[in-house]
N, C-alpha and C. Protein backbone atom coordinates (compact mmCIF):
# COMPACT_ATOMS: atom_id res chain seq x y z
N UNK A 1 -9.23 -19.79 -27.70
CA UNK A 1 -7.82 -19.72 -27.33
C UNK A 1 -6.97 -19.53 -28.59
N UNK A 2 -6.13 -18.52 -28.55
CA UNK A 2 -5.19 -18.33 -29.65
C UNK A 2 -3.87 -17.84 -29.08
N UNK A 3 -2.78 -18.29 -29.69
CA UNK A 3 -1.46 -17.90 -29.23
C UNK A 3 -0.88 -16.88 -30.20
N UNK A 4 -0.35 -15.80 -29.65
CA UNK A 4 0.28 -14.73 -30.42
C UNK A 4 1.72 -14.58 -29.92
N UNK A 5 2.56 -13.98 -30.76
CA UNK A 5 3.98 -13.82 -30.45
C UNK A 5 4.42 -12.39 -30.71
N UNK A 6 5.43 -11.94 -29.96
CA UNK A 6 5.97 -10.60 -30.15
C UNK A 6 7.36 -10.69 -30.78
N UNK A 7 7.85 -9.59 -31.37
CA UNK A 7 9.21 -9.56 -31.89
C UNK A 7 10.26 -9.68 -30.77
N UNK A 8 9.84 -9.44 -29.53
CA UNK A 8 10.75 -9.55 -28.38
C UNK A 8 10.74 -10.95 -27.76
N UNK A 9 10.08 -11.90 -28.43
CA UNK A 9 10.08 -13.31 -28.05
C UNK A 9 9.25 -13.61 -26.79
N UNK A 10 8.14 -12.88 -26.64
CA UNK A 10 7.13 -13.26 -25.66
C UNK A 10 5.99 -13.93 -26.40
N UNK A 11 5.29 -14.82 -25.70
CA UNK A 11 4.07 -15.42 -26.25
C UNK A 11 2.89 -15.02 -25.37
N UNK A 12 1.71 -15.03 -25.96
CA UNK A 12 0.47 -14.77 -25.24
C UNK A 12 -0.52 -15.85 -25.63
N UNK A 13 -1.13 -16.44 -24.65
CA UNK A 13 -2.23 -17.37 -24.89
C UNK A 13 -3.49 -16.62 -24.50
N UNK A 14 -4.26 -16.21 -25.50
CA UNK A 14 -5.41 -15.34 -25.29
C UNK A 14 -6.68 -16.17 -25.12
N UNK A 15 -7.39 -15.91 -24.03
CA UNK A 15 -8.69 -16.53 -23.78
C UNK A 15 -9.64 -15.43 -23.31
N UNK A 16 -10.55 -15.02 -24.21
CA UNK A 16 -11.45 -13.93 -23.87
C UNK A 16 -10.70 -12.63 -23.74
N UNK A 17 -10.86 -11.95 -22.58
CA UNK A 17 -10.18 -10.67 -22.39
C UNK A 17 -8.96 -10.80 -21.48
N UNK A 18 -8.46 -12.03 -21.35
CA UNK A 18 -7.28 -12.30 -20.52
C UNK A 18 -6.24 -13.04 -21.35
N UNK A 19 -4.97 -12.76 -21.06
CA UNK A 19 -3.89 -13.47 -21.76
C UNK A 19 -2.86 -13.94 -20.73
N UNK A 20 -2.37 -15.15 -20.94
CA UNK A 20 -1.24 -15.67 -20.18
C UNK A 20 -0.01 -15.34 -20.99
N UNK A 21 1.05 -14.84 -20.34
CA UNK A 21 2.25 -14.37 -21.03
C UNK A 21 3.48 -15.11 -20.52
N UNK A 22 4.39 -15.43 -21.44
CA UNK A 22 5.66 -16.04 -21.07
C UNK A 22 6.69 -15.78 -22.16
N UNK A 23 7.85 -16.40 -22.02
CA UNK A 23 8.88 -16.27 -23.06
C UNK A 23 8.85 -17.50 -23.94
N UNK A 24 9.27 -17.34 -25.17
CA UNK A 24 9.21 -18.43 -26.15
C UNK A 24 10.36 -19.42 -25.98
N UNK A 25 10.23 -20.55 -26.66
CA UNK A 25 11.33 -21.54 -26.71
C UNK A 25 12.60 -20.88 -27.23
N UNK A 26 12.45 -20.05 -28.26
CA UNK A 26 13.59 -19.37 -28.85
C UNK A 26 14.29 -18.49 -27.80
N UNK A 27 13.52 -17.75 -27.02
CA UNK A 27 14.09 -16.85 -26.00
C UNK A 27 14.82 -17.64 -24.93
N UNK A 28 14.20 -18.69 -24.40
CA UNK A 28 14.86 -19.44 -23.33
C UNK A 28 16.09 -20.17 -23.85
N UNK A 29 16.06 -20.59 -25.11
CA UNK A 29 17.21 -21.24 -25.71
C UNK A 29 18.38 -20.25 -25.84
N UNK A 30 18.07 -19.02 -26.25
CA UNK A 30 19.11 -17.99 -26.39
C UNK A 30 19.67 -17.57 -25.04
N UNK A 31 18.81 -17.56 -24.02
CA UNK A 31 19.26 -17.14 -22.69
C UNK A 31 20.09 -18.21 -21.98
N UNK A 32 19.77 -19.46 -22.21
CA UNK A 32 20.44 -20.53 -21.47
C UNK A 32 19.69 -20.77 -20.16
N UNK A 33 20.37 -21.34 -19.18
CA UNK A 33 19.72 -21.72 -17.92
C UNK A 33 19.23 -20.50 -17.15
N UNK A 34 17.91 -20.39 -17.01
CA UNK A 34 17.30 -19.28 -16.27
C UNK A 34 17.49 -19.51 -14.78
N UNK A 35 18.01 -18.49 -14.08
CA UNK A 35 18.29 -18.61 -12.65
C UNK A 35 17.46 -17.67 -11.79
N UNK A 36 16.81 -16.65 -12.41
CA UNK A 36 16.02 -15.69 -11.64
C UNK A 36 15.00 -15.02 -12.54
N UNK A 37 13.81 -14.78 -12.00
CA UNK A 37 12.80 -13.99 -12.71
C UNK A 37 12.27 -12.91 -11.78
N UNK A 38 12.08 -11.73 -12.31
CA UNK A 38 11.47 -10.63 -11.59
C UNK A 38 10.11 -10.42 -12.23
N UNK A 39 9.05 -10.72 -11.49
CA UNK A 39 7.71 -10.66 -12.04
C UNK A 39 7.02 -9.36 -11.61
N UNK A 40 6.07 -8.89 -12.42
CA UNK A 40 5.38 -7.63 -12.08
C UNK A 40 4.44 -7.81 -10.88
N UNK A 41 4.03 -6.71 -10.34
CA UNK A 41 3.12 -6.70 -9.20
C UNK A 41 1.68 -6.87 -9.68
N UNK A 42 0.92 -7.74 -9.00
CA UNK A 42 -0.49 -7.92 -9.33
C UNK A 42 -1.21 -6.57 -9.12
N UNK A 43 -2.04 -6.20 -10.07
CA UNK A 43 -2.78 -4.95 -10.00
C UNK A 43 -2.12 -3.81 -10.75
N UNK A 44 -0.85 -3.99 -11.12
CA UNK A 44 -0.14 -2.93 -11.84
C UNK A 44 -0.64 -2.90 -13.29
N UNK A 45 -0.77 -1.69 -13.81
CA UNK A 45 -1.24 -1.49 -15.19
C UNK A 45 -0.06 -1.07 -16.05
N UNK A 46 0.07 -1.72 -17.19
CA UNK A 46 1.16 -1.45 -18.13
C UNK A 46 0.60 -1.08 -19.49
N UNK A 47 1.35 -0.26 -20.21
CA UNK A 47 1.08 -0.01 -21.61
C UNK A 47 1.86 -1.06 -22.41
N UNK A 48 1.44 -1.33 -23.61
CA UNK A 48 2.16 -2.26 -24.49
C UNK A 48 3.60 -1.79 -24.64
N UNK A 49 4.51 -2.72 -24.63
CA UNK A 49 5.95 -2.52 -24.84
C UNK A 49 6.69 -1.95 -23.62
N UNK A 50 5.99 -1.74 -22.49
CA UNK A 50 6.68 -1.35 -21.27
C UNK A 50 7.37 -2.59 -20.70
N UNK A 51 8.45 -2.37 -19.96
CA UNK A 51 9.13 -3.49 -19.29
C UNK A 51 8.28 -3.96 -18.12
N UNK A 52 7.90 -5.22 -18.14
CA UNK A 52 7.03 -5.78 -17.10
C UNK A 52 7.78 -6.71 -16.16
N UNK A 53 8.99 -7.10 -16.53
CA UNK A 53 9.76 -8.00 -15.69
C UNK A 53 11.14 -8.22 -16.27
N UNK A 54 11.89 -9.06 -15.58
CA UNK A 54 13.26 -9.37 -16.01
C UNK A 54 13.46 -10.87 -15.86
N UNK A 55 14.21 -11.43 -16.78
CA UNK A 55 14.61 -12.83 -16.67
C UNK A 55 16.14 -12.85 -16.74
N UNK A 56 16.75 -13.55 -15.78
CA UNK A 56 18.21 -13.64 -15.74
C UNK A 56 18.63 -15.10 -15.90
N UNK A 57 19.69 -15.26 -16.67
CA UNK A 57 20.22 -16.60 -16.88
C UNK A 57 21.71 -16.59 -16.55
N UNK A 58 22.34 -17.74 -16.69
CA UNK A 58 23.77 -17.80 -16.44
C UNK A 58 24.54 -17.00 -17.50
N UNK A 59 23.90 -16.74 -18.65
CA UNK A 59 24.57 -16.01 -19.74
C UNK A 59 24.23 -14.53 -19.79
N UNK A 60 23.00 -14.16 -19.44
CA UNK A 60 22.55 -12.79 -19.67
C UNK A 60 21.30 -12.47 -18.86
N UNK A 61 20.96 -11.20 -18.86
CA UNK A 61 19.68 -10.75 -18.31
C UNK A 61 18.91 -10.12 -19.46
N UNK A 62 17.60 -10.28 -19.44
CA UNK A 62 16.77 -9.73 -20.51
C UNK A 62 15.48 -9.19 -19.91
N UNK A 63 15.02 -8.09 -20.49
CA UNK A 63 13.73 -7.54 -20.08
C UNK A 63 12.61 -8.37 -20.67
N UNK A 64 11.52 -8.45 -19.92
CA UNK A 64 10.28 -9.05 -20.42
C UNK A 64 9.33 -7.89 -20.66
N UNK A 65 8.91 -7.73 -21.90
CA UNK A 65 8.07 -6.60 -22.28
C UNK A 65 6.59 -6.99 -22.22
N UNK A 66 5.77 -6.02 -21.87
CA UNK A 66 4.33 -6.22 -21.88
C UNK A 66 3.88 -6.25 -23.34
N UNK A 67 3.33 -7.36 -23.80
CA UNK A 67 2.97 -7.47 -25.21
C UNK A 67 1.76 -6.62 -25.60
N UNK A 68 0.86 -6.38 -24.65
CA UNK A 68 -0.34 -5.59 -24.87
C UNK A 68 -0.64 -4.78 -23.62
N UNK A 69 -1.43 -3.75 -23.76
CA UNK A 69 -1.80 -2.94 -22.60
C UNK A 69 -2.77 -3.71 -21.72
N UNK A 70 -2.61 -3.53 -20.40
CA UNK A 70 -3.54 -4.18 -19.50
C UNK A 70 -3.06 -4.22 -18.06
N UNK A 71 -3.86 -4.90 -17.24
CA UNK A 71 -3.60 -4.99 -15.81
C UNK A 71 -3.17 -6.41 -15.45
N UNK A 72 -2.11 -6.50 -14.66
CA UNK A 72 -1.63 -7.81 -14.19
C UNK A 72 -2.64 -8.38 -13.20
N UNK A 73 -3.14 -9.57 -13.49
CA UNK A 73 -4.12 -10.19 -12.60
C UNK A 73 -3.55 -11.34 -11.78
N UNK A 74 -2.42 -11.88 -12.24
CA UNK A 74 -1.81 -13.02 -11.53
C UNK A 74 -0.37 -13.17 -12.00
N UNK A 75 0.50 -13.61 -11.09
CA UNK A 75 1.87 -13.96 -11.48
C UNK A 75 2.11 -15.41 -11.11
N UNK A 76 3.08 -16.02 -11.75
CA UNK A 76 3.38 -17.44 -11.55
C UNK A 76 4.37 -17.58 -10.39
N UNK A 77 3.84 -17.79 -9.20
CA UNK A 77 4.70 -17.95 -8.02
C UNK A 77 5.58 -19.20 -8.12
N UNK A 78 5.10 -20.22 -8.82
CA UNK A 78 5.92 -21.44 -9.01
C UNK A 78 7.18 -21.11 -9.80
N UNK A 79 7.06 -20.21 -10.76
CA UNK A 79 8.21 -19.80 -11.58
C UNK A 79 9.19 -18.98 -10.72
N UNK A 80 8.66 -18.14 -9.85
CA UNK A 80 9.52 -17.36 -8.97
C UNK A 80 10.34 -18.32 -8.07
N UNK A 81 9.69 -19.37 -7.59
CA UNK A 81 10.34 -20.35 -6.72
C UNK A 81 11.30 -21.25 -7.50
N UNK A 82 10.98 -21.53 -8.76
CA UNK A 82 11.79 -22.43 -9.59
C UNK A 82 11.93 -21.85 -10.99
N UNK A 83 12.86 -20.87 -11.18
CA UNK A 83 13.00 -20.21 -12.47
C UNK A 83 13.32 -21.16 -13.63
N UNK A 84 13.83 -22.34 -13.33
CA UNK A 84 14.17 -23.29 -14.40
C UNK A 84 12.92 -23.74 -15.17
N UNK A 85 11.73 -23.51 -14.63
CA UNK A 85 10.50 -23.83 -15.38
C UNK A 85 10.44 -23.07 -16.70
N UNK A 86 11.09 -21.90 -16.75
CA UNK A 86 11.13 -21.13 -18.00
C UNK A 86 11.91 -21.88 -19.07
N UNK A 87 12.83 -22.77 -18.66
CA UNK A 87 13.58 -23.58 -19.61
C UNK A 87 12.87 -24.88 -19.93
N UNK A 88 12.39 -25.55 -18.89
CA UNK A 88 11.85 -26.90 -19.09
C UNK A 88 10.45 -26.90 -19.72
N UNK A 89 9.67 -25.84 -19.47
CA UNK A 89 8.30 -25.80 -20.01
C UNK A 89 7.90 -24.34 -20.25
N UNK A 90 8.61 -23.63 -21.16
CA UNK A 90 8.39 -22.19 -21.33
C UNK A 90 6.97 -21.80 -21.74
N UNK A 91 6.29 -22.69 -22.44
CA UNK A 91 4.94 -22.34 -22.91
C UNK A 91 3.85 -23.07 -22.12
N UNK A 92 4.25 -23.60 -20.97
CA UNK A 92 3.31 -24.28 -20.08
C UNK A 92 3.51 -23.81 -18.65
N UNK A 93 4.11 -24.66 -17.81
CA UNK A 93 4.31 -24.35 -16.40
C UNK A 93 5.23 -23.16 -16.18
N UNK A 94 5.99 -22.76 -17.22
CA UNK A 94 6.92 -21.65 -17.09
C UNK A 94 6.34 -20.30 -17.49
N UNK A 95 5.01 -20.17 -17.51
CA UNK A 95 4.40 -18.88 -17.83
C UNK A 95 4.80 -17.84 -16.78
N UNK A 96 4.75 -16.56 -17.16
CA UNK A 96 5.20 -15.47 -16.27
C UNK A 96 4.04 -14.78 -15.54
N UNK A 97 3.05 -14.30 -16.30
CA UNK A 97 1.95 -13.56 -15.66
C UNK A 97 0.72 -13.60 -16.54
N UNK A 98 -0.42 -13.21 -15.94
CA UNK A 98 -1.68 -13.08 -16.65
C UNK A 98 -2.04 -11.61 -16.67
N UNK A 99 -2.61 -11.18 -17.79
CA UNK A 99 -2.98 -9.78 -17.97
C UNK A 99 -4.41 -9.67 -18.49
N UNK A 100 -5.17 -8.75 -17.89
CA UNK A 100 -6.50 -8.42 -18.38
C UNK A 100 -6.32 -7.37 -19.46
N UNK A 101 -6.73 -7.67 -20.67
CA UNK A 101 -6.51 -6.79 -21.81
C UNK A 101 -7.34 -5.52 -21.71
N UNK A 102 -6.69 -4.37 -21.90
CA UNK A 102 -7.44 -3.11 -21.92
C UNK A 102 -7.62 -2.60 -23.35
N UNK A 103 -6.86 -3.14 -24.29
CA UNK A 103 -6.97 -2.73 -25.69
C UNK A 103 -6.81 -3.98 -26.58
N UNK A 104 -7.84 -4.83 -26.63
CA UNK A 104 -7.73 -6.08 -27.39
C UNK A 104 -7.30 -5.92 -28.85
N UNK A 105 -7.56 -4.77 -29.45
CA UNK A 105 -7.17 -4.54 -30.85
C UNK A 105 -5.66 -4.60 -31.02
N UNK A 106 -4.89 -4.41 -29.94
CA UNK A 106 -3.43 -4.49 -30.03
C UNK A 106 -2.98 -5.89 -30.42
N UNK A 107 -3.80 -6.89 -30.18
CA UNK A 107 -3.45 -8.25 -30.56
C UNK A 107 -3.25 -8.39 -32.07
N UNK A 108 -3.93 -7.55 -32.84
CA UNK A 108 -3.85 -7.62 -34.29
C UNK A 108 -2.44 -7.33 -34.81
N UNK A 109 -1.64 -6.61 -34.03
CA UNK A 109 -0.28 -6.26 -34.45
C UNK A 109 0.74 -7.36 -34.14
N UNK A 110 0.31 -8.41 -33.42
CA UNK A 110 1.22 -9.48 -33.04
C UNK A 110 1.23 -10.59 -34.08
N UNK A 111 2.23 -11.45 -33.98
CA UNK A 111 2.41 -12.53 -34.96
C UNK A 111 1.69 -13.80 -34.55
N UNK A 112 1.27 -14.56 -35.56
CA UNK A 112 0.78 -15.92 -35.31
C UNK A 112 2.00 -16.85 -35.32
N UNK A 113 1.76 -18.13 -35.07
CA UNK A 113 2.89 -19.07 -34.96
C UNK A 113 3.71 -19.16 -36.24
N UNK A 114 3.06 -19.19 -37.38
CA UNK A 114 3.77 -19.29 -38.66
C UNK A 114 4.68 -18.09 -38.87
N UNK A 115 4.13 -16.90 -38.64
CA UNK A 115 4.92 -15.67 -38.80
C UNK A 115 6.08 -15.63 -37.82
N UNK A 116 5.83 -16.03 -36.57
CA UNK A 116 6.88 -15.99 -35.55
C UNK A 116 7.99 -17.00 -35.88
N UNK A 117 7.62 -18.18 -36.34
CA UNK A 117 8.61 -19.18 -36.70
C UNK A 117 9.53 -18.65 -37.79
N UNK A 118 8.96 -18.00 -38.81
CA UNK A 118 9.78 -17.40 -39.88
C UNK A 118 10.65 -16.27 -39.32
N UNK A 119 10.06 -15.44 -38.46
CA UNK A 119 10.77 -14.32 -37.88
C UNK A 119 11.96 -14.78 -37.05
N UNK A 120 11.75 -15.77 -36.18
CA UNK A 120 12.81 -16.20 -35.26
C UNK A 120 13.88 -17.04 -35.96
N UNK A 121 13.57 -17.56 -37.14
CA UNK A 121 14.56 -18.33 -37.89
C UNK A 121 15.47 -17.43 -38.70
N UNK A 122 15.06 -16.19 -38.89
CA UNK A 122 15.83 -15.25 -39.73
C UNK A 122 17.12 -14.81 -39.05
């Protein structure tokens, strides 16, 4: 298990050839109270950096980008029912979707926690 981060403030928890994806603490803090999430369709295939969903808050709406290429294998129905999970537990119960990696080498271009912390503090 390893966690990677994108410049667009998504996180990935990678286990084998599957990754769980969500938004970071930094992203949910910037957005404020999340009131709606639009999650991708299970079975849909995305290329890295394509828009895979939307998160809306009382302050703004933001796209959720696919951090790596792959196929959506599961979405978080609990998050759809209770979008506030993205605020209360963004890196746990507030995950967005799971993706089966089609190009694992793309993970090498993402940040580790130390790099992301420096990046998001800038």
